[in-house]
Amino acid sequence: RGRSAGAAGALTLPRPLGADPHEEEPMAVAQKKNPDYHGFSADPDVDVLNMRAVFFAGVSVAIVLGSVFLHYLPDYG
């Protein structure tokens, strides 16, 4: 009782995505709904908002940390 009907020690692995011809990957589904999909959310409005926030934060951090790094370099002149 309580054991599977398979062979002793048999291990069942999950099927990979795309194994079923009718099953699509989540990213492909999101791209069909929103052709300008950036990979942040399936909702187009949230996707654009998150993309803009990430790029704004990334550029801001790069400019601020880059400026601080350049400012504190030793002066060899």
Protein backbone atom coordinates (compact mmCIF):
# COMPACT_ATOMS: atom_id res chain seq x y z
CA ARG A 1 0.00 0.00 0.00
CA GLY A 2 1.07 3.56 -0.67
CA ARG A 3 3.53 2.66 -3.43
CA SER A 4 3.25 3.52 -7.08
CA ALA A 5 2.39 0.91 -9.68
CA GLY A 6 5.73 1.45 -11.49
CA ALA A 7 8.85 -0.65 -11.22
CA ALA A 8 10.72 -0.67 -7.93
CA GLY A 9 12.97 2.38 -7.75
CA ALA A 10 11.48 3.94 -10.88
CA LEU A 11 11.64 7.71 -11.00
CA THR A 12 9.17 9.78 -12.98
CA LEU A 13 10.64 13.01 -14.32
CA PRO A 14 8.55 16.04 -15.26
CA ARG A 15 8.05 16.59 -18.98
CA PRO A 16 9.99 19.53 -20.43
CA LEU A 17 8.12 22.50 -21.86
CA GLY A 18 7.22 21.96 -25.47
CA ALA A 19 6.97 18.17 -25.12
CA ASP A 20 3.26 18.41 -25.87
CA PRO A 21 2.71 20.00 -29.32
CA HIS A 22 -0.30 21.94 -27.97
CA GLU A 23 1.58 23.36 -24.98
CA GLU A 24 3.33 26.70 -25.50
CA GLU A 25 6.03 28.31 -23.40
CA PRO A 26 4.81 31.16 -21.17
CA MET A 27 7.04 33.69 -22.94
CA ALA A 28 5.60 32.78 -26.35
CA VAL A 29 2.07 33.22 -25.00
CA ALA A 30 2.94 36.64 -23.57
CA GLN A 31 4.55 37.71 -26.86
CA LYS A 32 1.40 36.78 -28.78
CA LYS A 33 -0.67 39.00 -26.46
CA ASN A 34 1.88 41.83 -26.47
CA PRO A 35 4.31 42.00 -29.43
CA ASP A 36 6.41 44.60 -27.54
CA TYR A 37 6.95 42.17 -24.65
CA HIS A 38 10.02 43.07 -22.53
CA GLY A 39 9.92 40.09 -20.18
CA PHE A 40 8.78 41.77 -16.97
CA SER A 41 5.04 41.00 -16.91
CA ALA A 42 2.33 39.47 -19.08
CA ASP A 43 0.20 42.64 -18.66
CA PRO A 44 1.36 45.17 -21.34
CA ASP A 45 0.96 48.25 -19.13
CA VAL A 46 2.79 46.72 -16.18
CA ASP A 47 5.47 45.38 -18.54
CA VAL A 48 6.23 48.86 -19.92
CA LEU A 49 6.16 50.44 -16.45
CA ASN A 50 8.56 47.85 -15.03
CA MET A 51 10.85 48.11 -18.05
CA ARG A 52 11.06 51.89 -17.69
CA ALA A 53 11.68 51.65 -13.93
CA VAL A 54 14.47 49.09 -14.37
CA PHE A 55 16.20 51.06 -17.10
CA PHE A 56 15.86 54.35 -15.19
CA ALA A 57 17.29 52.78 -12.04
CA GLY A 58 20.05 51.01 -13.98
CA VAL A 59 21.15 54.14 -15.83
CA SER A 60 20.93 56.24 -12.66
CA VAL A 61 23.03 53.78 -10.68
CA ALA A 62 25.59 53.57 -13.50
CA ILE A 63 25.90 57.36 -13.72
CA VAL A 64 26.06 57.91 -9.94
CA LEU A 65 28.44 55.04 -9.14
CA GLY A 66 30.55 55.80 -12.23
CA SER A 67 30.87 59.44 -11.20
CA VAL A 68 31.79 58.51 -7.63
CA PHE A 69 34.38 56.01 -8.89
CA LEU A 70 35.96 58.59 -11.19
CA HIS A 71 35.92 61.24 -8.47
CA TYR A 72 37.78 59.05 -5.99
CA LEU A 73 40.45 57.78 -8.38
CA PRO A 74 43.93 58.73 -7.19
CA ASP A 75 45.49 61.75 -8.84
CA TYR A 76 48.74 60.69 -10.47
CA GLY A 77 49.37 64.08 -12.07
